[in-house]
Amino acid sequence: MKLSRPLVLICTLIAAACGGSETAESAEPLLLLAEGSSDLPTVLVYKTPTCGCCNGWIEHLRAAGFTVDARNTTDLMTIKMDAGVPTPMMSCHTALVDGYVIEGHVPAEQLKRLLAERPDLAGIAVPGMPAGSPGMESSNPQPYQVLSFDNEGNAAVFADIDPGDR
């Protein structure tokens, strides 16, 4: 698959923001983080080894009761593409949980909503790395959206988030 120049640039910027580039063969379990609630499925997170904001998001999920299996990879882009993450929705880490793809800094409460409602979607995403999203805490948080996407490339707003309201 040939990537367009803008797509390569976007992917490079996301990878650079998280501190590295990698290959799927080196995807290895980091650790099984804290035990979560028995009624919540394990979240499998693929990330670069040096990304602090990814670790912040993982801690956010743990605090919300999820068990997280975090894996470093040197081929995050292949994982994203294989999972069907639409290019405009890409962020710094990709997670798989109970048949869904979770891209980026999705709040745990929206992940729980997705799992409870079980809509006919491929997944949900927070494109980019918005200030104030879980793992991207900021003294100047900004409103952002959680978007849903299906296997045909259709997207919709799943939730409007205003971190200043918390």
N, C-alpha and C. Protein backbone atom coordinates (compact mmCIF):
# COMPACT_ATOMS: atom_id res chain seq x y z
N MET A 1 0.85 -1.17 0.00
CA MET A 1 0.00 0.00 0.00
C MET A 1 0.89 1.23 0.00
N LYS A 2 0.66 2.13 -0.93
CA LYS A 2 1.46 3.34 -1.03
C LYS A 2 0.77 4.45 -0.24
N LEU A 3 1.50 5.09 0.64
CA LEU A 3 0.96 6.17 1.45
C LEU A 3 1.21 7.50 0.77
N SER A 4 0.23 8.38 0.85
CA SER A 4 0.41 9.72 0.28
C SER A 4 1.39 10.51 1.13
N ARG A 5 1.98 11.53 0.53
CA ARG A 5 2.96 12.37 1.24
C ARG A 5 2.34 13.00 2.50
N PRO A 6 1.09 13.57 2.45
CA PRO A 6 0.50 14.13 3.68
C PRO A 6 0.28 13.06 4.75
N LEU A 7 -0.12 11.84 4.35
CA LEU A 7 -0.33 10.79 5.32
C LEU A 7 0.99 10.41 5.99
N VAL A 8 2.04 10.29 5.22
CA VAL A 8 3.35 9.97 5.78
C VAL A 8 3.78 11.06 6.76
N LEU A 9 3.54 12.32 6.42
CA LEU A 9 3.89 13.43 7.30
C LEU A 9 3.11 13.36 8.61
N ILE A 10 1.80 13.12 8.52
CA ILE A 10 0.95 13.02 9.72
C ILE A 10 1.44 11.88 10.61
N CYS A 11 1.68 10.73 10.00
CA CYS A 11 2.14 9.57 10.77
C CYS A 11 3.49 9.81 11.41
N THR A 12 4.37 10.47 10.69
CA THR A 12 5.69 10.78 11.23
C THR A 12 5.58 11.73 12.41
N LEU A 13 4.72 12.72 12.31
CA LEU A 13 4.55 13.67 13.42
C LEU A 13 3.98 12.99 14.65
N ILE A 14 3.01 12.11 14.46
CA ILE A 14 2.44 11.40 15.61
C ILE A 14 3.50 10.52 16.25
N ALA A 15 4.25 9.78 15.45
CA ALA A 15 5.30 8.92 16.00
C ALA A 15 6.37 9.74 16.70
N ALA A 16 6.74 10.87 16.13
CA ALA A 16 7.77 11.72 16.73
C ALA A 16 7.30 12.27 18.07
N ALA A 17 6.02 12.61 18.16
CA ALA A 17 5.48 13.15 19.40
C ALA A 17 5.57 12.13 20.52
N CYS A 18 5.54 10.87 20.16
CA CYS A 18 5.60 9.81 21.16
C CYS A 18 6.98 9.22 21.32
N GLY A 19 7.94 9.69 20.56
CA GLY A 19 9.31 9.34 20.82
C GLY A 19 9.87 8.13 20.11
N GLY A 20 9.36 7.74 18.96
CA GLY A 20 10.05 6.64 18.31
C GLY A 20 9.31 6.03 17.16
N SER A 21 10.02 5.14 16.45
CA SER A 21 9.43 4.35 15.39
C SER A 21 9.85 2.91 15.63
N GLU A 22 9.00 1.94 15.22
CA GLU A 22 9.21 0.56 15.61
C GLU A 22 8.65 -0.48 14.64
N THR A 23 8.78 -1.88 14.89
CA THR A 23 8.23 -2.93 14.02
C THR A 23 7.36 -3.93 14.77
N ALA A 24 6.35 -4.47 14.11
CA ALA A 24 5.40 -5.38 14.76
C ALA A 24 6.09 -6.60 15.35
N GLU A 25 7.17 -7.06 14.72
CA GLU A 25 7.86 -8.21 15.25
C GLU A 25 8.37 -7.96 16.67
N SER A 26 8.61 -6.70 17.00
CA SER A 26 9.14 -6.42 18.33
C SER A 26 8.03 -6.10 19.32
N ALA A 27 6.76 -6.23 18.88
CA ALA A 27 5.66 -6.00 19.82
C ALA A 27 5.79 -7.05 20.92
N GLU A 28 5.96 -6.58 22.12
CA GLU A 28 6.14 -7.51 23.22
C GLU A 28 5.36 -7.03 24.42
N PRO A 29 4.86 -7.96 25.23
CA PRO A 29 4.13 -7.54 26.41
C PRO A 29 5.05 -6.75 27.34
N LEU A 30 4.56 -5.61 27.81
CA LEU A 30 5.32 -4.85 28.80
C LEU A 30 5.04 -5.44 30.17
N LEU A 31 3.78 -5.47 30.50
CA LEU A 31 3.36 -6.01 31.76
C LEU A 31 1.84 -5.99 31.79
N LEU A 32 1.29 -6.81 32.60
CA LEU A 32 -0.15 -6.77 32.80
C LEU A 32 -0.35 -5.83 33.98
N LEU A 33 -0.85 -4.65 33.68
CA LEU A 33 -1.00 -3.64 34.72
C LEU A 33 -2.14 -4.00 35.64
N ALA A 34 -2.25 -3.35 36.72
CA ALA A 34 -3.19 -3.59 37.80
C ALA A 34 -4.44 -4.37 37.43
N GLU A 35 -4.86 -5.19 38.33
CA GLU A 35 -6.09 -5.95 38.11
C GLU A 35 -7.26 -5.00 38.03
N GLY A 36 -8.09 -5.20 37.04
CA GLY A 36 -9.27 -4.36 36.85
C GLY A 36 -10.50 -5.06 37.37
N SER A 37 -11.63 -4.45 37.11
CA SER A 37 -12.91 -5.01 37.49
C SER A 37 -13.16 -6.28 36.69
N SER A 38 -13.69 -7.30 37.33
CA SER A 38 -13.90 -8.57 36.65
C SER A 38 -14.92 -8.46 35.53
N ASP A 39 -15.78 -7.45 35.55
CA ASP A 39 -16.78 -7.33 34.49
C ASP A 39 -16.32 -6.45 33.34
N LEU A 40 -15.10 -5.94 33.39
CA LEU A 40 -14.55 -5.16 32.29
C LEU A 40 -13.52 -6.00 31.55
N PRO A 41 -13.56 -5.97 30.22
CA PRO A 41 -12.57 -6.75 29.46
C PRO A 41 -11.19 -6.12 29.54
N THR A 42 -10.17 -6.91 29.26
CA THR A 42 -8.80 -6.41 29.21
C THR A 42 -8.63 -5.55 27.96
N VAL A 43 -7.93 -4.45 28.12
CA VAL A 43 -7.64 -3.54 27.01
C VAL A 43 -6.20 -3.81 26.57
N LEU A 44 -6.02 -4.16 25.30
CA LEU A 44 -4.69 -4.39 24.73
C LEU A 44 -4.25 -3.10 24.06
N VAL A 45 -3.18 -2.49 24.56
CA VAL A 45 -2.71 -1.20 24.06
C VAL A 45 -1.37 -1.37 23.37
N TYR A 46 -1.30 -0.87 22.13
CA TYR A 46 -0.03 -0.83 21.39
C TYR A 46 0.47 0.61 21.40
N LYS A 47 1.75 0.77 21.75
CA LYS A 47 2.33 2.09 21.89
C LYS A 47 3.82 2.05 21.62
N THR A 48 4.40 3.22 21.46
CA THR A 48 5.85 3.29 21.35
C THR A 48 6.45 3.20 22.76
N PRO A 49 7.68 2.73 22.88
CA PRO A 49 8.27 2.52 24.22
C PRO A 49 8.47 3.79 25.03
N THR A 50 8.62 4.93 24.40
CA THR A 50 8.99 6.14 25.13
C THR A 50 7.86 7.15 25.29
N CYS A 51 6.65 6.78 24.97
CA CYS A 51 5.55 7.75 24.99
C CYS A 51 4.96 7.92 26.38
N GLY A 52 5.22 9.07 26.99
CA GLY A 52 4.70 9.36 28.32
C GLY A 52 3.20 9.56 28.33
N CYS A 53 2.65 10.19 27.29
CA CYS A 53 1.20 10.42 27.29
C CYS A 53 0.44 9.11 27.15
N CYS A 54 1.00 8.14 26.44
CA CYS A 54 0.38 6.82 26.33
C CYS A 54 0.33 6.16 27.71
N ASN A 55 1.42 6.28 28.44
CA ASN A 55 1.46 5.73 29.80
C ASN A 55 0.44 6.43 30.69
N GLY A 56 0.25 7.73 30.51
CA GLY A 56 -0.76 8.46 31.27
C GLY A 56 -2.16 7.94 30.97
N TRP A 57 -2.43 7.64 29.70
CA TRP A 57 -3.75 7.11 29.32
C TRP A 57 -3.95 5.72 29.92
N ILE A 58 -2.91 4.90 29.90
CA ILE A 58 -2.99 3.57 30.49
C ILE A 58 -3.31 3.68 31.98
N GLU A 59 -2.65 4.59 32.68
CA GLU A 59 -2.94 4.80 34.11
C GLU A 59 -4.38 5.26 34.32
N HIS A 60 -4.89 6.10 33.42
CA HIS A 60 -6.28 6.56 33.47
C HIS A 60 -7.22 5.36 33.38
N LEU A 61 -6.95 4.43 32.45
CA LEU A 61 -7.80 3.24 32.31
C LEU A 61 -7.72 2.37 33.56
N ARG A 62 -6.53 2.19 34.08
CA ARG A 62 -6.36 1.40 35.31
C ARG A 62 -7.17 1.99 36.45
N ALA A 63 -7.11 3.31 36.60
CA ALA A 63 -7.85 3.99 37.67
C ALA A 63 -9.36 3.81 37.50
N ALA A 64 -9.80 3.59 36.26
CA ALA A 64 -11.23 3.41 35.97
C ALA A 64 -11.65 1.94 36.10
N GLY A 65 -10.70 1.06 36.46
CA GLY A 65 -11.04 -0.34 36.71
C GLY A 65 -10.69 -1.32 35.62
N PHE A 66 -10.08 -0.86 34.54
CA PHE A 66 -9.69 -1.76 33.46
C PHE A 66 -8.37 -2.45 33.76
N THR A 67 -8.24 -3.68 33.29
CA THR A 67 -6.95 -4.36 33.24
C THR A 67 -6.36 -3.99 31.89
N VAL A 68 -5.07 -3.63 31.86
CA VAL A 68 -4.44 -3.19 30.62
C VAL A 68 -3.22 -4.05 30.34
N ASP A 69 -3.15 -4.55 29.12
CA ASP A 69 -1.99 -5.27 28.62
C ASP A 69 -1.32 -4.31 27.64
N ALA A 70 -0.25 -3.64 28.08
CA ALA A 70 0.43 -2.64 27.25
C ALA A 70 1.61 -3.28 26.55
N ARG A 71 1.69 -3.05 25.24
CA ARG A 71 2.77 -3.64 24.45
C ARG A 71 3.50 -2.57 23.65
N ASN A 72 4.81 -2.58 23.78
CA ASN A 72 5.63 -1.71 22.94
C ASN A 72 5.73 -2.32 21.56
N THR A 73 5.74 -1.47 20.55
CA THR A 73 5.90 -1.95 19.19
C THR A 73 6.75 -0.96 18.40
N THR A 74 7.42 -1.47 17.40
CA THR A 74 8.18 -0.60 16.52
C THR A 74 7.47 -0.46 15.17
N ASP A 75 6.23 -0.95 15.09
CA ASP A 75 5.45 -0.82 13.86
C ASP A 75 4.02 -0.44 14.17
N LEU A 76 3.87 0.65 14.87
CA LEU A 76 2.55 1.11 15.28
C LEU A 76 1.67 1.42 14.07
N MET A 77 2.25 1.94 13.00
CA MET A 77 1.46 2.29 11.83
C MET A 77 0.79 1.06 11.22
N THR A 78 1.50 -0.06 11.16
CA THR A 78 0.91 -1.29 10.63
C THR A 78 -0.25 -1.75 11.50
N ILE A 79 -0.10 -1.65 12.80
CA ILE A 79 -1.18 -2.03 13.72
C ILE A 79 -2.40 -1.16 13.47
N LYS A 80 -2.20 0.15 13.35
CA LYS A 80 -3.31 1.08 13.07
C LYS A 80 -4.02 0.72 11.77
N MET A 81 -3.24 0.50 10.73
CA MET A 81 -3.82 0.21 9.42
C MET A 81 -4.53 -1.15 9.44
N ASP A 82 -3.93 -2.16 10.06
CA ASP A 82 -4.57 -3.47 10.15
C ASP A 82 -5.86 -3.42 10.96
N ALA A 83 -5.91 -2.54 11.96
CA ALA A 83 -7.11 -2.38 12.79
C ALA A 83 -8.18 -1.55 12.10
N GLY A 84 -7.84 -0.88 11.00
CA GLY A 84 -8.82 -0.09 10.27
C GLY A 84 -9.02 1.31 10.79
N VAL A 85 -8.03 1.86 11.48
CA VAL A 85 -8.16 3.23 11.99
C VAL A 85 -8.10 4.19 10.81
N PRO A 86 -9.14 5.00 10.61
CA PRO A 86 -9.11 5.98 9.52
C PRO A 86 -7.98 7.00 9.75
N THR A 87 -7.29 7.36 8.69
CA THR A 87 -6.15 8.27 8.78
C THR A 87 -6.46 9.55 9.55
N PRO A 88 -7.59 10.22 9.29
CA PRO A 88 -7.85 11.46 10.03
C PRO A 88 -8.06 11.27 11.53
N MET A 89 -8.24 10.03 11.97
CA MET A 89 -8.50 9.77 13.39
C MET A 89 -7.28 9.26 14.14
N MET A 90 -6.15 9.15 13.47
CA MET A 90 -4.96 8.58 14.11
C MET A 90 -4.44 9.46 15.23
N SER A 91 -3.89 8.77 16.22
CA SER A 91 -3.28 9.42 17.38
C SER A 91 -2.02 8.63 17.74
N CYS A 92 -1.61 8.70 18.99
CA CYS A 92 -0.32 8.13 19.35
C CYS A 92 -0.36 6.67 19.81
N HIS A 93 -1.50 6.13 20.16
CA HIS A 93 -1.57 4.72 20.55
C HIS A 93 -2.88 4.12 20.05
N THR A 94 -2.88 2.81 19.91
CA THR A 94 -4.05 2.09 19.41
C THR A 94 -4.34 0.96 20.38
N ALA A 95 -5.62 0.82 20.74
CA ALA A 95 -6.03 -0.23 21.67
C ALA A 95 -7.10 -1.10 21.04
N LEU A 96 -7.13 -2.34 21.47
CA LEU A 96 -8.15 -3.30 21.03
C LEU A 96 -8.82 -3.83 22.28
N VAL A 97 -10.16 -3.83 22.24
CA VAL A 97 -10.90 -4.34 23.40
C VAL A 97 -12.26 -4.87 22.95
N ASP A 98 -12.49 -6.12 23.24
CA ASP A 98 -13.80 -6.74 23.05
C ASP A 98 -14.38 -6.50 21.65
N GLY A 99 -13.53 -6.58 20.63
CA GLY A 99 -13.99 -6.43 19.26
C GLY A 99 -13.97 -5.01 18.72
N TYR A 100 -13.57 -4.05 19.53
CA TYR A 100 -13.52 -2.65 19.12
C TYR A 100 -12.09 -2.14 19.06
N VAL A 101 -11.89 -1.10 18.25
CA VAL A 101 -10.62 -0.38 18.17
C VAL A 101 -10.80 0.93 18.92
N ILE A 102 -9.85 1.26 19.76
CA ILE A 102 -9.87 2.52 20.50
C ILE A 102 -8.59 3.26 20.12
N GLU A 103 -8.74 4.42 19.51
CA GLU A 103 -7.59 5.17 19.02
C GLU A 103 -7.42 6.45 19.82
N GLY A 104 -6.25 6.60 20.42
CA GLY A 104 -5.93 7.84 21.10
C GLY A 104 -6.49 7.95 22.51
N HIS A 105 -6.60 9.19 22.95
CA HIS A 105 -6.88 9.52 24.34
C HIS A 105 -8.37 9.55 24.67
N VAL A 106 -9.05 8.44 24.43
CA VAL A 106 -10.48 8.30 24.70
C VAL A 106 -10.69 8.20 26.21
N PRO A 107 -11.57 9.02 26.78
CA PRO A 107 -11.85 8.90 28.22
C PRO A 107 -12.45 7.53 28.56
N ALA A 108 -12.07 7.00 29.72
CA ALA A 108 -12.55 5.69 30.16
C ALA A 108 -14.07 5.62 30.20
N GLU A 109 -14.72 6.71 30.58
CA GLU A 109 -16.19 6.67 30.65
C GLU A 109 -16.81 6.47 29.27
N GLN A 110 -16.16 6.96 28.22
CA GLN A 110 -16.67 6.74 26.86
C GLN A 110 -16.39 5.31 26.40
N LEU A 111 -15.28 4.75 26.83
CA LEU A 111 -14.99 3.35 26.53
C LEU A 111 -16.02 2.46 27.23
N LYS A 112 -16.33 2.76 28.47
CA LYS A 112 -17.35 1.98 29.19
C LYS A 112 -18.71 2.11 28.51
N ARG A 113 -19.04 3.31 28.05
CA ARG A 113 -20.30 3.51 27.33
C ARG A 113 -20.35 2.65 26.06
N LEU A 114 -19.26 2.66 25.30
CA LEU A 114 -19.18 1.85 24.07
C LEU A 114 -19.42 0.38 24.40
N LEU A 115 -18.77 -0.12 25.42
CA LEU A 115 -18.90 -1.53 25.78
C LEU A 115 -20.29 -1.86 26.31
N ALA A 116 -20.94 -0.92 26.98
CA ALA A 116 -22.29 -1.15 27.50
C ALA A 116 -23.33 -1.11 26.38
N GLU A 117 -23.19 -0.16 25.46
CA GLU A 117 -24.19 0.01 24.39
C GLU A 117 -23.97 -0.94 23.22
N ARG A 118 -22.72 -1.35 22.97
CA ARG A 118 -22.35 -2.27 21.91
C ARG A 118 -22.90 -1.86 20.53
N PRO A 119 -22.67 -0.61 20.11
CA PRO A 119 -23.16 -0.20 18.79
C PRO A 119 -22.40 -0.92 17.67
N ASP A 120 -23.00 -0.93 16.48
CA ASP A 120 -22.38 -1.57 15.32
C ASP A 120 -21.34 -0.62 14.74
N LEU A 121 -20.18 -0.57 15.37
CA LEU A 121 -19.07 0.31 14.99
C LEU A 121 -17.77 -0.50 14.97
N ALA A 122 -16.79 0.02 14.27
CA ALA A 122 -15.45 -0.57 14.33
C ALA A 122 -14.74 -0.06 15.58
N GLY A 123 -14.99 1.22 15.93
CA GLY A 123 -14.33 1.76 17.11
C GLY A 123 -14.61 3.23 17.33
N ILE A 124 -13.89 3.78 18.31
CA ILE A 124 -13.98 5.20 18.64
C ILE A 124 -12.58 5.77 18.75
N ALA A 125 -12.48 7.07 18.56
CA ALA A 125 -11.17 7.71 18.52
C ALA A 125 -11.22 9.14 19.02
N VAL A 126 -10.10 9.58 19.55
CA VAL A 126 -9.84 10.99 19.81
C VAL A 126 -8.64 11.33 18.93
N PRO A 127 -8.91 11.95 17.77
CA PRO A 127 -7.80 12.27 16.85
C PRO A 127 -6.79 13.22 17.48
N GLY A 128 -5.54 13.05 17.08
CA GLY A 128 -4.48 13.92 17.59
C GLY A 128 -4.24 13.68 19.06
N MET A 129 -3.85 14.73 19.73
CA MET A 129 -3.52 14.64 21.15
C MET A 129 -4.02 15.91 21.86
N PRO A 130 -5.36 16.04 22.02
CA PRO A 130 -5.89 17.29 22.56
C PRO A 130 -5.53 17.54 24.03
N ALA A 131 -5.19 18.78 24.32
CA ALA A 131 -4.88 19.19 25.69
C ALA A 131 -6.09 18.99 26.57
N GLY A 132 -5.90 18.29 27.68
CA GLY A 132 -6.99 18.04 28.62
C GLY A 132 -7.59 16.66 28.49
N SER A 133 -7.22 15.91 27.46
CA SER A 133 -7.71 14.54 27.34
C SER A 133 -6.89 13.66 28.30
N PRO A 134 -7.41 12.47 28.66
CA PRO A 134 -6.68 11.61 29.59
C PRO A 134 -5.28 11.26 29.07
N GLY A 135 -4.28 11.55 29.88
CA GLY A 135 -2.89 11.35 29.49
C GLY A 135 -2.27 12.61 28.91
N MET A 136 -3.09 13.57 28.56
CA MET A 136 -2.64 14.86 28.01
C MET A 136 -3.11 16.00 28.91
N GLU A 137 -3.04 15.77 30.21
CA GLU A 137 -3.49 16.77 31.17
C GLU A 137 -2.77 18.09 30.90
N SER A 138 -3.50 19.17 31.14
CA SER A 138 -2.98 20.49 30.81
C SER A 138 -3.60 21.53 31.73
N SER A 139 -2.87 22.62 31.96
CA SER A 139 -3.44 23.73 32.73
C SER A 139 -4.42 24.52 31.88
N ASN A 140 -4.45 24.25 30.59
CA ASN A 140 -5.36 24.92 29.67
C ASN A 140 -6.11 23.87 28.82
N PRO A 141 -6.97 23.06 29.47
CA PRO A 141 -7.67 22.01 28.73
C PRO A 141 -8.65 22.61 27.71
N GLN A 142 -8.78 21.92 26.58
CA GLN A 142 -9.65 22.38 25.50
C GLN A 142 -10.74 21.34 25.23
N PRO A 143 -11.95 21.80 24.88
CA PRO A 143 -12.99 20.85 24.49
C PRO A 143 -12.54 20.04 23.26
N TYR A 144 -12.98 18.81 23.18
CA TYR A 144 -12.66 17.94 22.04
C TYR A 144 -13.80 16.95 21.85
N GLN A 145 -13.71 16.19 20.77
CA GLN A 145 -14.74 15.20 20.46
C GLN A 145 -14.16 13.80 20.43
N VAL A 146 -14.98 12.86 20.86
CA VAL A 146 -14.72 11.44 20.64
C VAL A 146 -15.54 11.09 19.41
N LEU A 147 -14.88 10.55 18.39
CA LEU A 147 -15.54 10.20 17.15
C LEU A 147 -15.70 8.70 17.04
N SER A 148 -16.78 8.27 16.39
CA SER A 148 -16.97 6.85 16.10
C SER A 148 -16.66 6.63 14.63
N PHE A 149 -16.30 5.40 14.29
CA PHE A 149 -16.08 5.05 12.89
C PHE A 149 -16.51 3.62 12.65
N ASP A 150 -16.95 3.36 11.42
CA ASP A 150 -17.34 2.00 11.05
C ASP A 150 -16.37 1.46 10.01
N ASN A 151 -16.60 0.25 9.57
CA ASN A 151 -15.70 -0.40 8.62
C ASN A 151 -15.79 0.17 7.21
N GLU A 152 -16.81 0.98 6.94
CA GLU A 152 -16.95 1.60 5.62
C GLU A 152 -16.35 3.00 5.58
N GLY A 153 -15.79 3.45 6.69
CA GLY A 153 -15.16 4.76 6.73
C GLY A 153 -16.08 5.89 7.16
N ASN A 154 -17.30 5.56 7.56
CA ASN A 154 -18.22 6.58 8.05
C ASN A 154 -17.84 6.99 9.46
N ALA A 155 -17.93 8.28 9.72
CA ALA A 155 -17.58 8.81 11.04
C ALA A 155 -18.73 9.63 11.59
N ALA A 156 -18.81 9.70 12.91
CA ALA A 156 -19.84 10.51 13.57
C ALA A 156 -19.30 10.92 14.94
N VAL A 157 -19.93 11.92 15.52
CA VAL A 157 -19.56 12.33 16.88
C VAL A 157 -20.17 11.34 17.86
N PHE A 158 -19.33 10.75 18.67
CA PHE A 158 -19.77 9.82 19.71
C PHE A 158 -20.02 10.58 21.01
N ALA A 159 -19.18 11.57 21.29
CA ALA A 159 -19.34 12.38 22.52
C ALA A 159 -18.58 13.70 22.36
N ASP A 160 -19.14 14.75 22.93
CA ASP A 160 -18.47 16.04 23.06
C ASP A 160 -17.92 16.11 24.48
N ILE A 161 -16.64 16.39 24.61
CA ILE A 161 -15.99 16.41 25.92
C ILE A 161 -15.48 17.82 26.21
N ASP A 162 -15.82 18.31 27.38
CA ASP A 162 -15.27 19.59 27.83
C ASP A 162 -14.57 19.33 29.17
N PRO A 163 -13.24 19.13 29.13
CA PRO A 163 -12.52 18.79 30.37
C PRO A 163 -12.59 19.90 31.41
N GLY A 164 -12.96 21.09 31.02
CA GLY A 164 -13.11 22.18 31.97
C GLY A 164 -14.34 22.05 32.85
N ASP A 165 -15.28 21.15 32.46
CA ASP A 165 -16.51 20.92 33.21
C ASP A 165 -16.34 19.92 34.34
N ARG A 166 -15.16 19.34 34.49
CA ARG A 166 -14.98 18.27 35.48
C ARG A 166 -14.67 18.82 36.83
